[in-house]
Amino acid sequence: MDFDGLGKLLIIGGIAMLVMGVLFVIASQSGFLSNLLQSGTLTFGGENFTCIVPIVASIILSIVLTVVLNIVIRFLNK
C-alpha cells in the first residue's frame, strides 16, 4: 500500500471515530444509551452466583463492527 492510500485510510478512520465519539457523548447525556443497554441485559442468579448476559450490547457491538470492517475491506480492495 502506498502512503497516499494509507493517509486516506487514516483520515477516514479518524472521521469515523470522531462521529462515533460525538454520538456517544450525545447519547450519554440524554440517557438513551444507558437505558437501552440496561433494559436489554438479562440477569439471573442463584444463592451463590449471578449471571449477567448483555444481549442488546452484544448485538449493537456486532452491527458496528460489521459495518466498520466492511468499510475498511472495501476501501482496501480499491
Protein backbone atom coordinates (compact mmCIF):
# COMPACT_ATOMS: atom_id res chain seq x y z
CA MET A 1 0.00 0.00 0.00
CA ASP A 2 1.37 3.39 -0.89
CA PHE A 3 1.40 6.31 1.51
CA ASP A 4 -1.45 8.06 -0.32
CA GLY A 5 -3.82 5.16 0.38
CA LEU A 6 -2.63 4.88 3.96
CA GLY A 7 -3.20 8.59 4.51
CA LYS A 8 -6.75 8.36 3.17
CA LEU A 9 -7.43 5.35 5.38
CA LEU A 10 -6.21 7.20 8.48
CA ILE A 11 -8.31 10.27 7.65
CA ILE A 12 -11.46 8.20 7.10
CA GLY A 13 -10.82 6.24 10.30
CA GLY A 14 -10.31 9.46 12.24
CA ILE A 15 -13.52 10.99 10.93
CA ALA A 16 -15.45 7.81 11.75
CA MET A 17 -14.06 7.80 15.30
CA LEU A 18 -14.96 11.49 15.69
CA VAL A 19 -18.55 10.89 14.56
CA MET A 20 -18.92 7.88 16.85
CA GLY A 21 -17.48 9.87 19.76
CA VAL A 22 -19.96 12.70 19.23
CA LEU A 23 -22.83 10.22 19.03
CA PHE A 24 -21.74 8.56 22.28
CA VAL A 25 -21.50 11.93 24.08
CA ILE A 26 -24.97 12.92 22.90
CA ALA A 27 -26.41 9.50 23.79
CA SER A 28 -24.84 9.51 27.26
CA GLN A 29 -26.17 12.99 28.06
CA SER A 30 -29.69 12.02 27.05
CA GLY A 31 -29.58 8.74 28.99
CA PHE A 32 -30.80 6.85 25.92
CA LEU A 33 -27.79 4.58 25.64
CA SER A 34 -27.72 3.56 29.29
CA ASN A 35 -31.46 2.83 29.32
CA LEU A 36 -31.17 0.79 26.14
CA LEU A 37 -28.24 -1.27 27.41
CA GLN A 38 -29.75 -1.84 30.87
CA SER A 39 -33.14 -2.87 29.54
CA GLY A 40 -31.55 -5.40 27.17
CA THR A 41 -29.47 -7.14 29.82
CA LEU A 42 -30.58 -10.45 31.26
CA THR A 43 -29.62 -11.01 34.88
CA PHE A 44 -30.30 -14.20 36.74
CA GLY A 45 -28.66 -16.00 39.57
CA GLY A 46 -28.93 -18.27 42.49
CA GLU A 47 -27.79 -18.20 46.05
CA ASN A 48 -24.07 -18.23 45.29
CA PHE A 49 -23.80 -16.83 41.76
CA THR A 50 -25.09 -14.15 39.40
CA CYS A 51 -25.02 -14.39 35.61
CA ILE A 52 -25.32 -11.22 33.52
CA VAL A 53 -25.91 -11.57 29.75
CA PRO A 54 -25.73 -8.27 27.80
CA ILE A 55 -27.75 -9.25 24.72
CA VAL A 56 -28.50 -5.78 23.31
CA ALA A 57 -24.93 -4.57 23.85
CA SER A 58 -23.63 -7.64 22.00
CA ILE A 59 -25.97 -7.06 19.06
CA ILE A 60 -25.04 -3.36 18.83
CA LEU A 61 -21.33 -4.18 19.00
CA SER A 62 -21.74 -6.83 16.30
CA ILE A 63 -23.54 -4.43 13.96
CA VAL A 64 -20.99 -1.64 14.48
CA LEU A 65 -18.01 -3.94 13.93
CA THR A 66 -19.61 -5.45 10.81
CA VAL A 67 -20.18 -2.01 9.26
CA VAL A 68 -16.68 -0.76 10.14
CA LEU A 69 -14.95 -3.87 8.84
CA ASN A 70 -16.97 -3.84 5.59
CA ILE A 71 -15.97 -0.20 5.00
CA VAL A 72 -12.30 -0.95 5.67
CA ILE A 73 -12.30 -4.03 3.42
CA ARG A 74 -13.99 -2.16 0.57
CA PHE A 75 -11.50 0.69 0.93
CA LEU A 76 -8.51 -1.68 0.87
CA ASN A 77 -9.78 -3.56 -2.21
CA LYS A 78 -9.81 -0.43 -4.41
